[in-house]
């Protein structure tokens, strides 16, 4: 997780340092907050949270009704990860899945990069 976090932060910082003109073009034409998000990601520590704790936090959510059930032992859906990102913690790694290894681990880095760009 440490390596993944440092790599993501490095990539964001590298874009800011070496592609500023391109990023300004993106801000001007497509995404007004792209530079702000890259700065935020490059300087914000990622939270490490257990799968069990994430399920507990999401089960206690009262301001949103999820389409997919939040239950221990079931992979978290995109809507759960998005809610956690937008409302509970900006950047995080889920750890300690208590059920057989799933595609979640393989997709985690990819999903983090997508979340960074969608913030």
PDB file of N, CA and C in Angstrom:
ATOM      1  N   UNK A   1       0.817  -1.190   0.000  1.00  0.00           N
ATOM      2  CA  UNK A   1       0.000   0.000   0.000  1.00  0.00           C
ATOM      3  C   UNK A   1       0.861   1.253   0.000  1.00  0.00           C
ATOM      4  N   UNK A   2       1.947   1.209   0.749  1.00  0.00           N
ATOM      5  CA  UNK A   2       2.830   2.373   0.783  1.00  0.00           C
ATOM      6  C   UNK A   2       3.385   2.678  -0.600  1.00  0.00           C
ATOM      7  N   UNK A   3       3.800   1.627  -1.300  1.00  0.00           N
ATOM      8  CA  UNK A   3       4.357   1.821  -2.647  1.00  0.00           C
ATOM      9  C   UNK A   3       3.299   2.380  -3.592  1.00  0.00           C
ATOM     10  N   UNK A   4       2.088   1.825  -3.531  1.00  0.00           N
ATOM     11  CA  UNK A   4       1.012   2.301  -4.405  1.00  0.00           C
ATOM     12  C   UNK A   4       0.697   3.770  -4.118  1.00  0.00           C
ATOM     13  N   UNK A   5       0.621   4.114  -2.835  1.00  0.00           N
ATOM     14  CA  UNK A   5       0.344   5.497  -2.451  1.00  0.00           C
ATOM     15  C   UNK A   5       1.432   6.435  -2.972  1.00  0.00           C
ATOM     16  N   UNK A   6       2.672   6.081  -2.729  1.00  0.00           N
ATOM     17  CA  UNK A   6       3.785   6.928  -3.178  1.00  0.00           C
ATOM     18  C   UNK A   6       3.806   7.055  -4.699  1.00  0.00           C
ATOM     19  N   UNK A   7       3.480   5.966  -5.396  1.00  0.00           N
ATOM     20  CA  UNK A   7       3.477   5.996  -6.861  1.00  0.00           C
ATOM     21  C   UNK A   7       2.378   6.919  -7.389  1.00  0.00           C
ATOM     22  N   UNK A   8       1.190   6.810  -6.829  1.00  0.00           N
ATOM     23  CA  UNK A   8       0.085   7.683  -7.252  1.00  0.00           C
ATOM     24  C   UNK A   8       0.439   9.146  -6.974  1.00  0.00           C
ATOM     25  N   UNK A   9       0.987   9.412  -5.787  1.00  0.00           N
ATOM     26  CA  UNK A   9       1.369  10.783  -5.451  1.00  0.00           C
ATOM     27  C   UNK A   9       2.489  11.274  -6.369  1.00  0.00           C
ATOM     28  N   UNK A  10       3.427  10.406  -6.668  1.00  0.00           N
ATOM     29  CA  UNK A  10       4.510  10.767  -7.582  1.00  0.00           C
ATOM     30  C   UNK A  10       3.957  11.126  -8.959  1.00  0.00           C
ATOM     31  N   UNK A  11       3.035  10.310  -9.474  1.00  0.00           N
ATOM     32  CA  UNK A  11       2.457  10.586 -10.795  1.00  0.00           C
ATOM     33  C   UNK A  11       1.734  11.935 -10.823  1.00  0.00           C
ATOM     34  N   UNK A  12       0.974  12.217  -9.775  1.00  0.00           N
ATOM     35  CA  UNK A  12       0.252  13.493  -9.713  1.00  0.00           C
ATOM     36  C   UNK A  12       1.229  14.660  -9.650  1.00  0.00           C
ATOM     37  N   UNK A  13       2.249  14.522  -8.827  1.00  0.00           N
ATOM     38  CA  UNK A  13       3.270  15.582  -8.709  1.00  0.00           C
ATOM     39  C   UNK A  13       4.023  15.755 -10.023  1.00  0.00           C
ATOM     40  N   UNK A  14       4.347  14.633 -10.679  1.00  0.00           N
ATOM     41  CA  UNK A  14       5.058  14.682 -11.955  1.00  0.00           C
ATOM     42  C   UNK A  14       4.234  15.429 -12.999  1.00  0.00           C
ATOM     43  N   UNK A  15       2.940  15.148 -13.046  1.00  0.00           N
ATOM     44  CA  UNK A  15       2.066  15.868 -13.983  1.00  0.00           C
ATOM     45  C   UNK A  15       2.089  17.369 -13.706  1.00  0.00           C
ATOM     46  N   UNK A  16       2.028  17.718 -12.444  1.00  0.00           N
ATOM     47  CA  UNK A  16       2.051  19.138 -12.084  1.00  0.00           C
ATOM     48  C   UNK A  16       3.388  19.795 -12.441  1.00  0.00           C
ATOM     49  N   UNK A  17       4.480  19.070 -12.244  1.00  0.00           N
ATOM     50  CA  UNK A  17       5.809  19.634 -12.484  1.00  0.00           C
ATOM     51  C   UNK A  17       6.217  19.630 -13.954  1.00  0.00           C
ATOM     52  N   UNK A  18       5.770  18.645 -14.711  1.00  0.00           N
ATOM     53  CA  UNK A  18       6.264  18.481 -16.077  1.00  0.00           C
ATOM     54  C   UNK A  18       5.222  18.720 -17.171  1.00  0.00           C
ATOM     55  N   UNK A  19       3.969  18.804 -16.789  1.00  0.00           N
ATOM     56  CA  UNK A  19       2.901  18.960 -17.790  1.00  0.00           C
ATOM     57  C   UNK A  19       1.951  20.087 -17.402  1.00  0.00           C
ATOM     58  N   UNK A  20       2.459  21.100 -16.784  1.00  0.00           N
ATOM     59  CA  UNK A  20       1.613  22.190 -16.287  1.00  0.00           C
ATOM     60  C   UNK A  20       0.788  22.828 -17.415  1.00  0.00           C
ATOM     61  N   UNK A  21       1.418  23.044 -18.547  1.00  0.00           N
ATOM     62  CA  UNK A  21       0.712  23.663 -19.666  1.00  0.00           C
ATOM     63  C   UNK A  21      -0.451  22.781 -20.140  1.00  0.00           C
ATOM     64  N   UNK A  22      -0.205  21.492 -20.220  1.00  0.00           N
ATOM     65  CA  UNK A  22      -1.276  20.569 -20.612  1.00  0.00           C
ATOM     66  C   UNK A  22      -2.388  20.555 -19.570  1.00  0.00           C
ATOM     67  N   UNK A  23      -2.016  20.577 -18.300  1.00  0.00           N
ATOM     68  CA  UNK A  23      -3.019  20.578 -17.241  1.00  0.00           C
ATOM     69  C   UNK A  23      -3.832  21.874 -17.243  1.00  0.00           C
ATOM     70  N   UNK A  24      -3.191  22.975 -17.548  1.00  0.00           N
ATOM     71  CA  UNK A  24      -3.925  24.242 -17.662  1.00  0.00           C
ATOM     72  C   UNK A  24      -4.905  24.195 -18.826  1.00  0.00           C
ATOM     73  N   UNK A  25      -4.509  23.539 -19.906  1.00  0.00           N
ATOM     74  CA  UNK A  25      -5.423  23.341 -21.034  1.00  0.00           C
ATOM     75  C   UNK A  25      -6.625  22.518 -20.582  1.00  0.00           C
ATOM     76  N   UNK A  26      -6.369  21.459 -19.808  1.00  0.00           N
ATOM     77  CA  UNK A  26      -7.465  20.628 -19.300  1.00  0.00           C
ATOM     78  C   UNK A  26      -8.412  21.449 -18.424  1.00  0.00           C
ATOM     79  N   UNK A  27      -7.832  22.286 -17.564  1.00  0.00           N
ATOM     80  CA  UNK A  27      -8.649  23.125 -16.687  1.00  0.00           C
ATOM     81  C   UNK A  27      -9.490  24.094 -17.502  1.00  0.00           C
ATOM     82  N   UNK A  28      -8.889  24.675 -18.495  1.00  0.00           N
ATOM     83  CA  UNK A  28      -9.586  25.668 -19.316  1.00  0.00           C
ATOM     84  C   UNK A  28     -10.710  25.041 -20.137  1.00  0.00           C
ATOM     85  N   UNK A  29     -10.479  23.843 -20.661  1.00  0.00           N
ATOM     86  CA  UNK A  29     -11.418  23.277 -21.632  1.00  0.00           C
ATOM     87  C   UNK A  29     -12.288  22.125 -21.132  1.00  0.00           C
ATOM     88  N   UNK A  30     -11.856  21.429 -20.089  1.00  0.00           N
ATOM     89  CA  UNK A  30     -12.589  20.223 -19.719  1.00  0.00           C
ATOM     90  C   UNK A  30     -12.941  20.097 -18.249  1.00  0.00           C
ATOM     91  N   UNK A  31     -12.017  20.389 -17.396  1.00  0.00           N
ATOM     92  CA  UNK A  31     -12.195  20.068 -15.985  1.00  0.00           C
ATOM     93  C   UNK A  31     -11.584  21.170 -15.132  1.00  0.00           C
ATOM     94  N   UNK A  32     -12.409  22.019 -14.601  1.00  0.00           N
ATOM     95  CA  UNK A  32     -11.950  23.210 -13.884  1.00  0.00           C
ATOM     96  C   UNK A  32     -11.123  22.897 -12.633  1.00  0.00           C
ATOM     97  N   UNK A  33     -11.294  21.721 -12.061  1.00  0.00           N
ATOM     98  CA  UNK A  33     -10.600  21.426 -10.804  1.00  0.00           C
ATOM     99  C   UNK A  33      -9.485  20.391 -10.946  1.00  0.00           C
ATOM    100  N   UNK A  34      -9.051  20.094 -12.147  1.00  0.00           N
ATOM    101  CA  UNK A  34      -8.033  19.049 -12.359  1.00  0.00           C
ATOM    102  C   UNK A  34      -6.742  19.341 -11.602  1.00  0.00           C
ATOM    103  N   UNK A  35      -6.243  20.551 -11.680  1.00  0.00           N
ATOM    104  CA  UNK A  35      -4.984  20.895 -11.008  1.00  0.00           C
ATOM    105  C   UNK A  35      -5.158  20.833  -9.490  1.00  0.00           C
ATOM    106  N   UNK A  36      -6.268  21.341  -8.993  1.00  0.00           N
ATOM    107  CA  UNK A  36      -6.527  21.290  -7.549  1.00  0.00           C
ATOM    108  C   UNK A  36      -6.543  19.850  -7.041  1.00  0.00           C
ATOM    109  N   UNK A  37      -7.184  18.946  -7.800  1.00  0.00           N
ATOM    110  CA  UNK A  37      -7.244  17.550  -7.391  1.00  0.00           C
ATOM    111  C   UNK A  37      -5.869  16.904  -7.404  1.00  0.00           C
ATOM    112  N   UNK A  38      -5.081  17.195  -8.436  1.00  0.00           N
ATOM    113  CA  UNK A  38      -3.727  16.641  -8.485  1.00  0.00           C
ATOM    114  C   UNK A  38      -2.897  17.132  -7.310  1.00  0.00           C
ATOM    115  N   UNK A  39      -3.043  18.407  -6.964  1.00  0.00           N
ATOM    116  CA  UNK A  39      -2.321  18.943  -5.810  1.00  0.00           C
ATOM    117  C   UNK A  39      -2.782  18.266  -4.518  1.00  0.00           C
ATOM    118  N   UNK A  40      -4.083  18.050  -4.403  1.00  0.00           N
ATOM    119  CA  UNK A  40      -4.630  17.406  -3.215  1.00  0.00           C
ATOM    120  C   UNK A  40      -4.123  15.965  -3.089  1.00  0.00           C
ATOM    121  N   UNK A  41      -4.179  15.217  -4.163  1.00  0.00           N
ATOM    122  CA  UNK A  41      -3.748  13.820  -4.126  1.00  0.00           C
ATOM    123  C   UNK A  41      -2.256  13.725  -3.835  1.00  0.00           C
ATOM    124  N   UNK A  42      -1.482  14.621  -4.430  1.00  0.00           N
ATOM    125  CA  UNK A  42      -0.031  14.539  -4.254  1.00  0.00           C
ATOM    126  C   UNK A  42       0.413  14.900  -2.836  1.00  0.00           C
ATOM    127  N   UNK A  43      -0.463  15.520  -2.053  1.00  0.00           N
ATOM    128  CA  UNK A  43      -0.060  15.964  -0.717  1.00  0.00           C
ATOM    129  C   UNK A  43      -0.888  15.374   0.431  1.00  0.00           C
ATOM    130  N   UNK A  44      -1.874  14.546   0.122  1.00  0.00           N
ATOM    131  CA  UNK A  44      -2.747  14.003   1.156  1.00  0.00           C
ATOM    132  C   UNK A  44      -2.425  12.542   1.430  1.00  0.00           C
ATOM    133  N   UNK A  45      -2.144  12.197   2.688  1.00  0.00           N
ATOM    134  CA  UNK A  45      -1.911  10.784   3.013  1.00  0.00           C
ATOM    135  C   UNK A  45      -3.188   9.961   2.796  1.00  0.00           C
ATOM    136  N   UNK A  46      -3.021   8.752   2.334  1.00  0.00           N
ATOM    137  CA  UNK A  46      -4.146   7.848   2.131  1.00  0.00           C
ATOM    138  C   UNK A  46      -4.453   7.145   3.458  1.00  0.00           C
ATOM    139  N   UNK A  47      -5.715   7.014   3.766  1.00  0.00           N
ATOM    140  CA  UNK A  47      -6.160   6.307   4.962  1.00  0.00           C
ATOM    141  C   UNK A  47      -6.133   4.805   4.666  1.00  0.00           C
ATOM    142  N   UNK A  48      -5.696   4.014   5.620  1.00  0.00           N
ATOM    143  CA  UNK A  48      -5.779   2.560   5.542  1.00  0.00           C
ATOM    144  C   UNK A  48      -6.939   2.156   6.434  1.00  0.00           C
ATOM    145  N   UNK A  49      -7.901   1.469   5.862  1.00  0.00           N
ATOM    146  CA  UNK A  49      -9.078   1.069   6.633  1.00  0.00           C
ATOM    147  C   UNK A  49      -9.400  -0.390   6.329  1.00  0.00           C
ATOM    148  N   UNK A  50      -9.784  -1.113   7.348  1.00  0.00           N
ATOM    149  CA  UNK A  50     -10.116  -2.518   7.136  1.00  0.00           C
ATOM    150  C   UNK A  50     -11.474  -2.620   6.432  1.00  0.00           C
ATOM    151  N   UNK A  51     -11.623  -3.709   5.736  1.00  0.00           N
ATOM    152  CA  UNK A  51     -12.893  -3.981   5.063  1.00  0.00           C
ATOM    153  C   UNK A  51     -14.023  -3.981   6.090  1.00  0.00           C
ATOM    154  N   UNK A  52     -13.798  -4.600   7.242  1.00  0.00           N
ATOM    155  CA  UNK A  52     -14.818  -4.680   8.288  1.00  0.00           C
ATOM    156  C   UNK A  52     -15.229  -3.291   8.765  1.00  0.00           C
ATOM    157  N   UNK A  53     -14.259  -2.417   9.007  1.00  0.00           N
ATOM    158  CA  UNK A  53     -14.557  -1.051   9.452  1.00  0.00           C
ATOM    159  C   UNK A  53     -15.309  -0.275   8.362  1.00  0.00           C
ATOM    160  N   UNK A  54     -14.911  -0.463   7.109  1.00  0.00           N
ATOM    161  CA  UNK A  54     -15.593   0.215   5.997  1.00  0.00           C
ATOM    162  C   UNK A  54     -17.054  -0.219   5.920  1.00  0.00           C
ATOM    163  N   UNK A  55     -17.304  -1.508   6.080  1.00  0.00           N
ATOM    164  CA  UNK A  55     -18.689  -2.009   6.058  1.00  0.00           C
ATOM    165  C   UNK A  55     -19.474  -1.396   7.214  1.00  0.00           C
ATOM    166  N   UNK A  56     -18.864  -1.343   8.407  1.00  0.00           N
ATOM    167  CA  UNK A  56     -19.537  -0.733   9.566  1.00  0.00           C
ATOM    168  C   UNK A  56     -19.891   0.727   9.286  1.00  0.00           C
ATOM    169  N   UNK A  57     -18.926   1.491   8.760  1.00  0.00           N
ATOM    170  CA  UNK A  57     -19.175   2.904   8.457  1.00  0.00           C
ATOM    171  C   UNK A  57     -20.303   3.058   7.437  1.00  0.00           C
ATOM    172  N   UNK A  58     -20.265   2.242   6.391  1.00  0.00           N
ATOM    173  CA  UNK A  58     -21.273   2.352   5.337  1.00  0.00           C
ATOM    174  C   UNK A  58     -22.649   1.890   5.812  1.00  0.00           C
ATOM    175  N   UNK A  59     -22.700   0.912   6.697  1.00  0.00           N
ATOM    176  CA  UNK A  59     -23.990   0.466   7.244  1.00  0.00           C
ATOM    177  C   UNK A  59     -24.641   1.555   8.092  1.00  0.00           C
ATOM    178  N   UNK A  60     -23.818   2.423   8.677  1.00  0.00           N
ATOM    179  CA  UNK A  60     -24.335   3.495   9.533  1.00  0.00           C
ATOM    180  C   UNK A  60     -24.717   4.753   8.766  1.00  0.00           C
ATOM    181  N   UNK A  61     -24.579   4.735   7.454  1.00  0.00           N
ATOM    182  CA  UNK A  61     -24.940   5.895   6.639  1.00  0.00           C
ATOM    183  C   UNK A  61     -26.464   6.043   6.648  1.00  0.00           C
ATOM    184  N   UNK A  62     -26.923   7.241   6.997  1.00  0.00           N
ATOM    185  CA  UNK A  62     -28.370   7.490   7.038  1.00  0.00           C
ATOM    186  C   UNK A  62     -28.819   8.496   5.986  1.00  0.00           C
ATOM    187  N   UNK A  63     -27.887   9.239   5.406  1.00  0.00           N
ATOM    188  CA  UNK A  63     -28.272  10.289   4.463  1.00  0.00           C
ATOM    189  C   UNK A  63     -28.324   9.809   3.013  1.00  0.00           C
ATOM    190  N   UNK A  64     -28.103   8.520   2.760  1.00  0.00           N
ATOM    191  CA  UNK A  64     -28.132   7.989   1.409  1.00  0.00           C
ATOM    192  C   UNK A  64     -28.648   6.565   1.441  1.00  0.00           C
ATOM    193  N   UNK A  65     -29.507   6.255   0.460  1.00  0.00           N
ATOM    194  CA  UNK A  65     -29.986   4.875   0.286  1.00  0.00           C
ATOM    195  C   UNK A  65     -29.201   4.265  -0.864  1.00  0.00           C
ATOM    196  N   UNK A  66     -28.459   3.201  -0.573  1.00  0.00           N
ATOM    197  CA  UNK A  66     -27.659   2.538  -1.594  1.00  0.00           C
ATOM    198  C   UNK A  66     -28.525   1.570  -2.396  1.00  0.00           C
ATOM    199  N   UNK A  67     -28.241   1.479  -3.682  1.00  0.00           N
ATOM    200  CA  UNK A  67     -28.919   0.507  -4.534  1.00  0.00           C
ATOM    201  C   UNK A  67     -28.448  -0.910  -4.212  1.00  0.00           C
ATOM    202  N   UNK A  68     -27.164  -1.043  -3.879  1.00  0.00           N
ATOM    203  CA  UNK A  68     -26.577  -2.338  -3.543  1.00  0.00           C
ATOM    204  C   UNK A  68     -26.455  -2.471  -2.032  1.00  0.00           C
ATOM    205  N   UNK A  69     -26.801  -3.624  -1.538  1.00  0.00           N
ATOM    206  CA  UNK A  69     -26.770  -3.891  -0.101  1.00  0.00           C
ATOM    207  C   UNK A  69     -25.338  -3.820   0.433  1.00  0.00           C
ATOM    208  N   UNK A  70     -25.179  -3.213   1.597  1.00  0.00           N
ATOM    209  CA  UNK A  70     -23.895  -3.199   2.292  1.00  0.00           C
ATOM    210  C   UNK A  70     -23.951  -4.317   3.319  1.00  0.00           C
ATOM    211  N   UNK A  71     -23.139  -5.328   3.101  1.00  0.00           N
ATOM    212  CA  UNK A  71     -23.134  -6.470   4.006  1.00  0.00           C
ATOM    213  C   UNK A  71     -21.747  -7.079   4.025  1.00  0.00           C
ATOM    214  N   UNK A  72     -21.295  -7.474   5.217  1.00  0.00           N
ATOM    215  CA  UNK A  72     -19.975  -8.075   5.345  1.00  0.00           C
ATOM    216  C   UNK A  72     -19.926  -9.360   4.522  1.00  0.00           C
ATOM    217  N   UNK A  73     -18.850  -9.524   3.755  1.00  0.00           N
ATOM    218  CA  UNK A  73     -18.666 -10.713   2.930  1.00  0.00           C
ATOM    219  C   UNK A  73     -19.013 -10.492   1.472  1.00  0.00           C
ATOM    220  N   UNK A  74     -19.579  -9.328   1.165  1.00  0.00           N
ATOM    221  CA  UNK A  74     -19.928  -8.984  -0.215  1.00  0.00           C
ATOM    222  C   UNK A  74     -19.007  -7.847  -0.657  1.00  0.00           C
ATOM    223  N   UNK A  75     -18.471  -7.954  -1.882  1.00  0.00           N
ATOM    224  CA  UNK A  75     -17.630  -6.865  -2.404  1.00  0.00           C
ATOM    225  C   UNK A  75     -18.386  -5.555  -2.345  1.00  0.00           C
ATOM    226  N   UNK A  76     -17.687  -4.498  -1.989  1.00  0.00           N
ATOM    227  CA  UNK A  76     -18.301  -3.175  -2.007  1.00  0.00           C
ATOM    228  C   UNK A  76     -18.526  -2.759  -3.455  1.00  0.00           C
ATOM    229  N   UNK A  77     -19.654  -2.149  -3.714  1.00  0.00           N
ATOM    230  CA  UNK A  77     -19.987  -1.679  -5.060  1.00  0.00           C
ATOM    231  C   UNK A  77     -19.357  -0.306  -5.293  1.00  0.00           C
ATOM    232  N   UNK A  78     -19.327   0.093  -6.536  1.00  0.00           N
ATOM    233  CA  UNK A  78     -18.777   1.408  -6.891  1.00  0.00           C
ATOM    234  C   UNK A  78     -19.468   2.523  -6.114  1.00  0.00           C
ATOM    235  N   UNK A  79     -20.782   2.400  -5.928  1.00  0.00           N
ATOM    236  CA  UNK A  79     -21.506   3.451  -5.208  1.00  0.00           C
ATOM    237  C   UNK A  79     -21.026   3.559  -3.757  1.00  0.00           C
ATOM    238  N   UNK A  80     -20.653   2.440  -3.165  1.00  0.00           N
ATOM    239  CA  UNK A  80     -20.150   2.465  -1.787  1.00  0.00           C
ATOM    240  C   UNK A  80     -18.785   3.140  -1.730  1.00  0.00           C
ATOM    241  N   UNK A  81     -17.909   2.749  -2.661  1.00  0.00           N
ATOM    242  CA  UNK A  81     -16.572   3.354  -2.709  1.00  0.00           C
ATOM    243  C   UNK A  81     -16.667   4.846  -3.008  1.00  0.00           C
ATOM    244  N   UNK A  82     -17.550   5.222  -3.917  1.00  0.00           N
ATOM    245  CA  UNK A  82     -17.726   6.632  -4.274  1.00  0.00           C
ATOM    246  C   UNK A  82     -18.224   7.428  -3.068  1.00  0.00           C
ATOM    247  N   UNK A  83     -19.212   6.875  -2.350  1.00  0.00           N
ATOM    248  CA  UNK A  83     -19.728   7.560  -1.171  1.00  0.00           C
ATOM    249  C   UNK A  83     -18.627   7.739  -0.125  1.00  0.00           C
ATOM    250  N   UNK A  84     -17.877   6.677   0.132  1.00  0.00           N
ATOM    251  CA  UNK A  84     -16.790   6.756   1.112  1.00  0.00           C
ATOM    252  C   UNK A  84     -15.784   7.819   0.699  1.00  0.00           C
ATOM    253  N   UNK A  85     -15.453   7.844  -0.578  1.00  0.00           N
ATOM    254  CA  UNK A  85     -14.491   8.832  -1.088  1.00  0.00           C
ATOM    255  C   UNK A  85     -15.022  10.256  -0.935  1.00  0.00           C
ATOM    256  N   UNK A  86     -16.260  10.470  -1.282  1.00  0.00           N
ATOM    257  CA  UNK A  86     -16.816  11.823  -1.283  1.00  0.00           C
ATOM    258  C   UNK A  86     -17.255  12.313   0.097  1.00  0.00           C
ATOM    259  N   UNK A  87     -17.564  11.393   1.010  1.00  0.00           N
ATOM    260  CA  UNK A  87     -18.150  11.814   2.282  1.00  0.00           C
ATOM    261  C   UNK A  87     -17.395  11.392   3.540  1.00  0.00           C
ATOM    262  N   UNK A  88     -16.611  10.350   3.454  1.00  0.00           N
ATOM    263  CA  UNK A  88     -15.966   9.838   4.667  1.00  0.00           C
ATOM    264  C   UNK A  88     -14.466  10.079   4.705  1.00  0.00           C
ATOM    265  N   UNK A  89     -13.792   9.806   3.605  1.00  0.00           N
ATOM    266  CA  UNK A  89     -12.337   9.979   3.536  1.00  0.00           C
ATOM    267  C   UNK A  89     -11.947  10.141   2.076  1.00  0.00           C
ATOM    268  N   UNK A  90     -11.161  11.158   1.745  1.00  0.00           N
ATOM    269  CA  UNK A  90     -10.891  11.426   0.330  1.00  0.00           C
ATOM    270  C   UNK A  90     -10.124  10.317  -0.383  1.00  0.00           C
ATOM    271  N   UNK A  91      -9.101   9.771   0.234  1.00  0.00           N
ATOM    272  CA  UNK A  91      -8.281   8.753  -0.412  1.00  0.00           C
ATOM    273  C   UNK A  91      -8.005   7.653   0.590  1.00  0.00           C
ATOM    274  N   UNK A  92      -8.250   6.416   0.183  1.00  0.00           N
ATOM    275  CA  UNK A  92      -8.116   5.328   1.134  1.00  0.00           C
ATOM    276  C   UNK A  92      -7.769   4.022   0.442  1.00  0.00           C
ATOM    277  N   UNK A  93      -7.216   3.114   1.239  1.00  0.00           N
ATOM    278  CA  UNK A  93      -6.972   1.738   0.831  1.00  0.00           C
ATOM    279  C   UNK A  93      -7.807   0.844   1.731  1.00  0.00           C
ATOM    280  N   UNK A  94      -8.551  -0.073   1.142  1.00  0.00           N
ATOM    281  CA  UNK A  94      -9.240  -1.080   1.924  1.00  0.00           C
ATOM    282  C   UNK A  94      -8.285  -2.249   2.120  1.00  0.00           C
ATOM    283  N   UNK A  95      -8.262  -2.785   3.325  1.00  0.00           N
ATOM    284  CA  UNK A  95      -7.359  -3.900   3.618  1.00  0.00           C
ATOM    285  C   UNK A  95      -8.121  -4.964   4.406  1.00  0.00           C
ATOM    286  N   UNK A  96      -7.489  -6.087   4.567  1.00  0.00           N
ATOM    287  CA  UNK A  96      -8.010  -7.180   5.405  1.00  0.00           C
ATOM    288  C   UNK A  96      -9.386  -7.670   4.974  1.00  0.00           C
ATOM    289  N   UNK A  97      -9.521  -7.995   3.711  1.00  0.00           N
ATOM    290  CA  UNK A  97     -10.768  -8.628   3.278  1.00  0.00           C
ATOM    291  C   UNK A  97     -10.880  -9.969   3.969  1.00  0.00           C
ATOM    292  N   UNK A  98     -12.033 -10.261   4.542  1.00  0.00           N
ATOM    293  CA  UNK A  98     -12.203 -11.479   5.308  1.00  0.00           C
ATOM    294  C   UNK A  98     -12.822 -12.616   4.527  1.00  0.00           C
ATOM    295  N   UNK A  99     -12.819 -12.541   3.221  1.00  0.00           N
ATOM    296  CA  UNK A  99     -13.405 -13.595   2.407  1.00  0.00           C
ATOM    297  C   UNK A  99     -12.429 -13.941   1.293  1.00  0.00           C
ATOM    298  N   UNK A 100     -12.678 -15.000   0.561  1.00  0.00           N
ATOM    299  CA  UNK A 100     -11.708 -15.416  -0.452  1.00  0.00           C
ATOM    300  C   UNK A 100     -11.289 -14.271  -1.364  1.00  0.00           C
ATOM    301  N   UNK A 101     -10.027 -14.306  -1.718  1.00  0.00           N
ATOM    302  CA  UNK A 101      -9.417 -13.269  -2.562  1.00  0.00           C
ATOM    303  C   UNK A 101     -10.272 -13.004  -3.788  1.00  0.00           C
ATOM    304  N   UNK A 102     -10.571 -11.767  -4.045  1.00  0.00           N
ATOM    305  CA  UNK A 102     -11.414 -11.431  -5.186  1.00  0.00           C
ATOM    306  C   UNK A 102     -10.677 -10.459  -6.095  1.00  0.00           C
ATOM    307  N   UNK A 103     -11.373 -10.027  -7.120  1.00  0.00           N
ATOM    308  CA  UNK A 103     -10.777  -9.093  -8.073  1.00  0.00           C
ATOM    309  C   UNK A 103     -10.611  -7.700  -7.487  1.00  0.00           C
ATOM    310  N   UNK A 104     -11.089  -7.470  -6.265  1.00  0.00           N
ATOM    311  CA  UNK A 104     -11.006  -6.144  -5.645  1.00  0.00           C
ATOM    312  C   UNK A 104      -9.562  -5.663  -5.574  1.00  0.00           C
ATOM    313  N   UNK A 105      -8.664  -6.539  -5.154  1.00  0.00           N
ATOM    314  CA  UNK A 105      -7.270  -6.141  -4.994  1.00  0.00           C
ATOM    315  C   UNK A 105      -6.667  -5.755  -6.334  1.00  0.00           C
ATOM    316  N   UNK A 106      -6.977  -6.517  -7.375  1.00  0.00           N
ATOM    317  CA  UNK A 106      -6.435  -6.228  -8.687  1.00  0.00           C
ATOM    318  C   UNK A 106      -6.966  -4.913  -9.243  1.00  0.00           C
ATOM    319  N   UNK A 107      -8.182  -4.576  -8.892  1.00  0.00           N
ATOM    320  CA  UNK A 107      -8.807  -3.368  -9.419  1.00  0.00           C
ATOM    321  C   UNK A 107      -8.537  -2.136  -8.566  1.00  0.00           C
ATOM    322  N   UNK A 108      -8.013  -2.317  -7.369  1.00  0.00           N
ATOM    323  CA  UNK A 108      -7.897  -1.211  -6.418  1.00  0.00           C
ATOM    324  C   UNK A 108      -7.085  -0.047  -6.960  1.00  0.00           C
ATOM    325  N   UNK A 109      -5.906  -0.295  -7.485  1.00  0.00           N
ATOM    326  CA  UNK A 109      -5.074   0.793  -7.982  1.00  0.00           C
ATOM    327  C   UNK A 109      -5.749   1.501  -9.149  1.00  0.00           C
ATOM    328  N   UNK A 110      -6.331   0.734 -10.057  1.00  0.00           N
ATOM    329  CA  UNK A 110      -7.032   1.309 -11.200  1.00  0.00           C
ATOM    330  C   UNK A 110      -8.195   2.182 -10.727  1.00  0.00           C
ATOM    331  N   UNK A 111      -8.966   1.686  -9.759  1.00  0.00           N
ATOM    332  CA  UNK A 111     -10.103   2.453  -9.263  1.00  0.00           C
ATOM    333  C   UNK A 111      -9.659   3.719  -8.545  1.00  0.00           C
ATOM    334  N   UNK A 112      -8.557   3.652  -7.832  1.00  0.00           N
ATOM    335  CA  UNK A 112      -8.041   4.844  -7.167  1.00  0.00           C
ATOM    336  C   UNK A 112      -7.688   5.901  -8.208  1.00  0.00           C
ATOM    337  N   UNK A 113      -7.022   5.484  -9.282  1.00  0.00           N
ATOM    338  CA  UNK A 113      -6.667   6.455 -10.333  1.00  0.00           C
ATOM    339  C   UNK A 113      -7.926   7.058 -10.956  1.00  0.00           C
ATOM    340  N   UNK A 114      -8.945   6.254 -11.167  1.00  0.00           N
ATOM    341  CA  UNK A 114     -10.208   6.767 -11.711  1.00  0.00           C
ATOM    342  C   UNK A 114     -10.826   7.762 -10.732  1.00  0.00           C
ATOM    343  N   UNK A 115     -10.853   7.409  -9.442  1.00  0.00           N
ATOM    344  CA  UNK A 115     -11.412   8.316  -8.439  1.00  0.00           C
ATOM    345  C   UNK A 115     -10.658   9.634  -8.383  1.00  0.00           C
ATOM    346  N   UNK A 116      -9.353   9.559  -8.526  1.00  0.00           N
ATOM    347  CA  UNK A 116      -8.555  10.778  -8.511  1.00  0.00           C
ATOM    348  C   UNK A 116      -8.983  11.696  -9.636  1.00  0.00           C
ATOM    349  N   UNK A 117      -9.212  11.132 -10.795  1.00  0.00           N
ATOM    350  CA  UNK A 117      -9.584  11.952 -11.944  1.00  0.00           C
ATOM    351  C   UNK A 117     -11.049  12.385 -11.892  1.00  0.00           C
ATOM    352  N   UNK A 118     -11.889  11.686 -11.113  1.00  0.00           N
ATOM    353  CA  UNK A 118     -13.307  12.024 -11.026  1.00  0.00           C
ATOM    354  C   UNK A 118     -13.667  12.869  -9.828  1.00  0.00           C
ATOM    355  N   UNK A 119     -12.731  13.096  -8.919  1.00  0.00           N
ATOM    356  CA  UNK A 119     -13.031  13.851  -7.688  1.00  0.00           C
ATOM    357  C   UNK A 119     -13.778  15.123  -7.979  1.00  0.00           C
TER     358      UNK A 119
END
